[in-house]
C-alpha atoms as a PDB file:
ATOM      1  CA  UNK A   1       0.000   0.000   0.000  1.00  0.00           C
ATOM      2  CA  UNK A   2       1.402   3.369  -0.975  1.00  0.00           C
ATOM      3  CA  UNK A   3       1.654   6.371   1.322  1.00  0.00           C
ATOM      4  CA  UNK A   4      -1.119   8.118  -0.606  1.00  0.00           C
ATOM      5  CA  UNK A   5      -3.447   5.150  -0.133  1.00  0.00           C
ATOM      6  CA  UNK A   6      -2.679   4.830   3.565  1.00  0.00           C
ATOM      7  CA  UNK A   7      -3.146   8.555   4.179  1.00  0.00           C
ATOM      8  CA  UNK A   8      -6.738   8.391   2.891  1.00  0.00           C
ATOM      9  CA  UNK A   9      -7.685   5.675   5.380  1.00  0.00           C
ATOM     10  CA  UNK A  10      -9.129   6.456   8.772  1.00  0.00           C
ATOM     11  CA  UNK A  11      -7.359   5.236  11.886  1.00  0.00           C
ATOM     12  CA  UNK A  12     -10.088   2.601  12.294  1.00  0.00           C
ATOM     13  CA  UNK A  13      -9.494   1.294   8.767  1.00  0.00           C
ATOM     14  CA  UNK A  14      -5.721   1.213   9.260  1.00  0.00           C
ATOM     15  CA  UNK A  15      -6.252  -0.703  12.481  1.00  0.00           C
ATOM     16  CA  UNK A  16      -8.480  -3.220  10.628  1.00  0.00           C
ATOM     17  CA  UNK A  17      -5.713  -3.864   8.113  1.00  0.00           C
ATOM     18  CA  UNK A  18      -3.140  -4.358  10.877  1.00  0.00           C
ATOM     19  CA  UNK A  19      -5.449  -6.613  12.913  1.00  0.00           C
ATOM     20  CA  UNK A  20      -6.248  -9.014  10.074  1.00  0.00           C
ATOM     21  CA  UNK A  21      -4.424 -12.190  10.988  1.00  0.00           C
ATOM     22  CA  UNK A  22      -2.785 -14.147   8.229  1.00  0.00           C
ATOM     23  CA  UNK A  23      -2.921 -17.341  10.280  1.00  0.00           C
ATOM     24  CA  UNK A  24      -4.186 -18.783  13.553  1.00  0.00           C
ATOM     25  CA  UNK A  25      -7.464 -16.854  13.573  1.00  0.00           C
ATOM     26  CA  UNK A  26     -10.156 -18.280  15.853  1.00  0.00           C
ATOM     27  CA  UNK A  27     -12.224 -19.716  12.959  1.00  0.00           C
ATOM     28  CA  UNK A  28      -9.083 -21.319  11.524  1.00  0.00           C
ATOM     29  CA  UNK A  29      -8.085 -22.825  14.867  1.00  0.00           C
ATOM     30  CA  UNK A  30     -11.583 -24.273  15.343  1.00  0.00           C
ATOM     31  CA  UNK A  31     -11.454 -25.821  11.867  1.00  0.00           C
ATOM     32  CA  UNK A  32      -8.006 -27.290  12.512  1.00  0.00           C
ATOM     33  CA  UNK A  33      -9.192 -28.814  15.791  1.00  0.00           C
ATOM     34  CA  UNK A  34     -12.245 -30.353  14.100  1.00  0.00           C
ATOM     35  CA  UNK A  35     -10.128 -31.752  11.255  1.00  0.00           C
ATOM     36  CA  UNK A  36      -7.611 -33.166  13.735  1.00  0.00           C
ATOM     37  CA  UNK A  37     -10.420 -34.838  15.755  1.00  0.00           C
ATOM     38  CA  UNK A  38     -11.440 -36.641  12.550  1.00  0.00           C
ATOM     39  CA  UNK A  39      -7.972 -38.176  12.428  1.00  0.00           C
ATOM     40  CA  UNK A  40      -6.495 -36.101   9.602  1.00  0.00           C
ATOM     41  CA  UNK A  41      -2.993 -34.673   9.824  1.00  0.00           C
ATOM     42  CA  UNK A  42      -2.084 -31.624   7.801  1.00  0.00           C
ATOM     43  CA  UNK A  43       0.438 -28.891   7.199  1.00  0.00           C
ATOM     44  CA  UNK A  44      -0.356 -25.337   8.299  1.00  0.00           C
ATOM     45  CA  UNK A  45       0.354 -22.121   6.381  1.00  0.00           C
ATOM     46  CA  UNK A  46       2.232 -23.900   3.626  1.00  0.00           C
ATOM     47  CA  UNK A  47       2.720 -22.919   0.014  1.00  0.00           C
ATOM     48  CA  UNK A  48       1.463 -25.731  -2.203  1.00  0.00           C
ATOM     49  CA  UNK A  49       3.415 -24.326  -5.162  1.00  0.00           C
ATOM     50  CA  UNK A  50       6.889 -22.993  -4.367  1.00  0.00           C
ATOM     51  CA  UNK A  51       6.520 -19.899  -6.568  1.00  0.00           C
ATOM     52  CA  UNK A  52       3.089 -18.982  -5.196  1.00  0.00           C
ATOM     53  CA  UNK A  53       2.993 -16.207  -2.596  1.00  0.00           C
ATOM     54  CA  UNK A  54      -0.329 -17.360  -1.114  1.00  0.00           C
ATOM     55  CA  UNK A  55      -0.117 -20.021   1.592  1.00  0.00           C
ATOM     56  CA  UNK A  56      -2.923 -22.502   2.196  1.00  0.00           C
ATOM     57  CA  UNK A  57      -4.390 -22.547   5.688  1.00  0.00           C
ATOM     58  CA  UNK A  58      -4.403 -26.365   5.651  1.00  0.00           C
ATOM     59  CA  UNK A  59      -2.597 -28.573   3.167  1.00  0.00           C
ATOM     60  CA  UNK A  60      -2.681 -32.300   2.572  1.00  0.00           C
ATOM     61  CA  UNK A  61       0.256 -32.784   0.159  1.00  0.00           C
ATOM     62  CA  UNK A  62      -0.175 -36.529  -0.365  1.00  0.00           C
ATOM     63  CA  UNK A  63      -3.798 -36.068  -1.408  1.00  0.00           C
ATOM     64  CA  UNK A  64      -3.029 -32.722  -3.118  1.00  0.00           C
ATOM     65  CA  UNK A  65      -5.839 -30.962  -1.248  1.00  0.00           C
ATOM     66  CA  UNK A  66      -5.641 -27.421   0.122  1.00  0.00           C
ATOM     67  CA  UNK A  67      -8.086 -25.555   2.344  1.00  0.00           C
ATOM     68  CA  UNK A  68      -8.419 -21.788   2.648  1.00  0.00           C
ATOM     69  CA  UNK A  69     -10.367 -20.197   5.504  1.00  0.00           C
ATOM     70  CA  UNK A  70     -11.918 -17.061   4.016  1.00  0.00           C
ATOM     71  CA  UNK A  71     -13.018 -14.171   6.200  1.00  0.00           C
ATOM     72  CA  UNK A  72     -16.490 -12.885   5.417  1.00  0.00           C
ATOM     73  CA  UNK A  73     -15.464  -9.221   5.191  1.00  0.00           C
ATOM     74  CA  UNK A  74     -12.147  -9.657   3.378  1.00  0.00           C
ATOM     75  CA  UNK A  75     -13.399 -12.137   0.789  1.00  0.00           C
ATOM     76  CA  UNK A  76     -16.916 -10.856   0.127  1.00  0.00           C
ATOM     77  CA  UNK A  77     -19.157 -13.460   1.745  1.00  0.00           C
ATOM     78  CA  UNK A  78     -22.535 -13.273  -0.011  1.00  0.00           C
ATOM     79  CA  UNK A  79     -24.303 -13.742   3.333  1.00  0.00           C
ATOM     80  CA  UNK A  80     -22.319 -11.604   5.777  1.00  0.00           C
ATOM     81  CA  UNK A  81     -20.198  -9.080   3.907  1.00  0.00           C
ATOM     82  CA  UNK A  82     -21.277  -5.482   4.331  1.00  0.00           C
ATOM     83  CA  UNK A  83     -19.749  -2.648   2.342  1.00  0.00           C
ATOM     84  CA  UNK A  84     -17.838  -0.115   4.441  1.00  0.00           C
ATOM     85  CA  UNK A  85     -19.440   3.316   4.703  1.00  0.00           C
ATOM     86  CA  UNK A  86     -16.199   5.326   4.556  1.00  0.00           C
ATOM     87  CA  UNK A  87     -13.757   5.285   1.639  1.00  0.00           C
ATOM     88  CA  UNK A  88     -16.120   3.151  -0.445  1.00  0.00           C
ATOM     89  CA  UNK A  89     -13.999   3.423  -3.572  1.00  0.00           C
ATOM     90  CA  UNK A  90     -10.824   2.244  -1.819  1.00  0.00           C
ATOM     91  CA  UNK A  91     -12.574  -0.686  -0.127  1.00  0.00           C
ATOM     92  CA  UNK A  92     -14.490  -1.718  -3.250  1.00  0.00           C
ATOM     93  CA  UNK A  93     -11.180  -1.898  -5.120  1.00  0.00           C
ATOM     94  CA  UNK A  94      -9.415  -3.717  -2.264  1.00  0.00           C
ATOM     95  CA  UNK A  95     -12.153  -6.319  -1.807  1.00  0.00           C
ATOM     96  CA  UNK A  96     -12.556  -6.870  -5.574  1.00  0.00           C
ATOM     97  CA  UNK A  97      -8.799  -7.449  -5.735  1.00  0.00           C
ATOM     98  CA  UNK A  98      -9.064 -10.055  -2.969  1.00  0.00           C
ATOM     99  CA  UNK A  99     -11.769 -11.930  -4.884  1.00  0.00           C
ATOM    100  CA  UNK A 100      -9.752 -11.793  -8.113  1.00  0.00           C
ATOM    101  CA  UNK A 101      -6.637 -13.060  -6.309  1.00  0.00           C
ATOM    102  CA  UNK A 102      -8.619 -15.972  -4.825  1.00  0.00           C
ATOM    103  CA  UNK A 103      -9.873 -16.983  -8.283  1.00  0.00           C
ATOM    104  CA  UNK A 104      -6.361 -16.787  -9.711  1.00  0.00           C
ATOM    105  CA  UNK A 105      -4.927 -18.857  -6.847  1.00  0.00           C
ATOM    106  CA  UNK A 106      -7.664 -21.486  -7.241  1.00  0.00           C
ATOM    107  CA  UNK A 107      -7.079 -21.731 -10.997  1.00  0.00           C
ATOM    108  CA  UNK A 108      -3.286 -22.080 -10.627  1.00  0.00           C
ATOM    109  CA  UNK A 109      -3.628 -24.783  -7.994  1.00  0.00           C
ATOM    110  CA  UNK A 110      -6.234 -26.708 -10.000  1.00  0.00           C
ATOM    111  CA  UNK A 111      -4.000 -26.558 -13.092  1.00  0.00           C
ATOM    112  CA  UNK A 112      -1.224 -28.078 -10.967  1.00  0.00           C
ATOM    113  CA  UNK A 113      -3.503 -30.944  -9.890  1.00  0.00           C
ATOM    114  CA  UNK A 114      -4.598 -29.676  -6.472  1.00  0.00           C
ATOM    115  CA  UNK A 115      -8.175 -29.701  -5.184  1.00  0.00           C
ATOM    116  CA  UNK A 116      -9.132 -26.439  -3.499  1.00  0.00           C
ATOM    117  CA  UNK A 117     -11.710 -26.059  -0.749  1.00  0.00           C
ATOM    118  CA  UNK A 118     -12.692 -22.598   0.474  1.00  0.00           C
ATOM    119  CA  UNK A 119     -14.429 -22.413   3.834  1.00  0.00           C
ATOM    120  CA  UNK A 120     -16.171 -19.272   5.112  1.00  0.00           C
ATOM    121  CA  UNK A 121     -15.262 -18.207   8.629  1.00  0.00           C
ATOM    122  CA  UNK A 122     -18.929 -18.430   9.662  1.00  0.00           C
ATOM    123  CA  UNK A 123     -19.286 -22.089   8.658  1.00  0.00           C
ATOM    124  CA  UNK A 124     -19.742 -24.642  11.401  1.00  0.00           C
ATOM    125  CA  UNK A 125     -16.262 -26.151  11.991  1.00  0.00           C
ATOM    126  CA  UNK A 126     -17.492 -29.755  12.242  1.00  0.00           C
ATOM    127  CA  UNK A 127     -19.440 -29.512   8.969  1.00  0.00           C
ATOM    128  CA  UNK A 128     -16.452 -27.941   7.212  1.00  0.00           C
ATOM    129  CA  UNK A 129     -14.112 -30.592   8.674  1.00  0.00           C
ATOM    130  CA  UNK A 130     -16.329 -33.339   7.276  1.00  0.00           C
ATOM    131  CA  UNK A 131     -16.093 -31.715   3.820  1.00  0.00           C
ATOM    132  CA  UNK A 132     -12.315 -31.705   4.194  1.00  0.00           C
ATOM    133  CA  UNK A 133     -12.313 -35.371   5.257  1.00  0.00           C
ATOM    134  CA  UNK A 134     -14.449 -36.397   2.262  1.00  0.00           C
ATOM    135  CA  UNK A 135     -12.226 -34.488  -0.138  1.00  0.00           C
ATOM    136  CA  UNK A 136      -8.993 -35.926   1.276  1.00  0.00           C
ATOM    137  CA  UNK A 137     -10.337 -39.493   1.409  1.00  0.00           C
ATOM    138  CA  UNK A 138     -11.577 -39.157  -2.161  1.00  0.00           C
ATOM    139  CA  UNK A 139      -8.065 -38.299  -3.329  1.00  0.00           C
ATOM    140  CA  UNK A 140      -6.133 -41.064  -1.532  1.00  0.00           C
END
């Protein structure tokens, strides 16, 4: 983010950007616990493709399955995302960029033979873990 972009953000918006965790968020930890209880072992915050900057939240290299935990605000959840009232143009651009990046990441991983599962942070961890289990078992 450039200085000009950051100077147009309010202190609340800057604090939101700083507070966004890249790993170990509460929804992610709950999902990991549920997946672990089902007997699956996984890698955390790993890059499935060495040249890819985006790390998967959970990865199952043998099965070539990756899981991303998407935040409702940051990734535009159709159920829970609400547009910010201040700096609408900046946030619309930022959130559209996040969605475009997710699509690009998914396409690159699928081209490389990986299955991608995206889980919304509001999803019930046990239900999401069962989706992960089915996907991993289907690939082994």
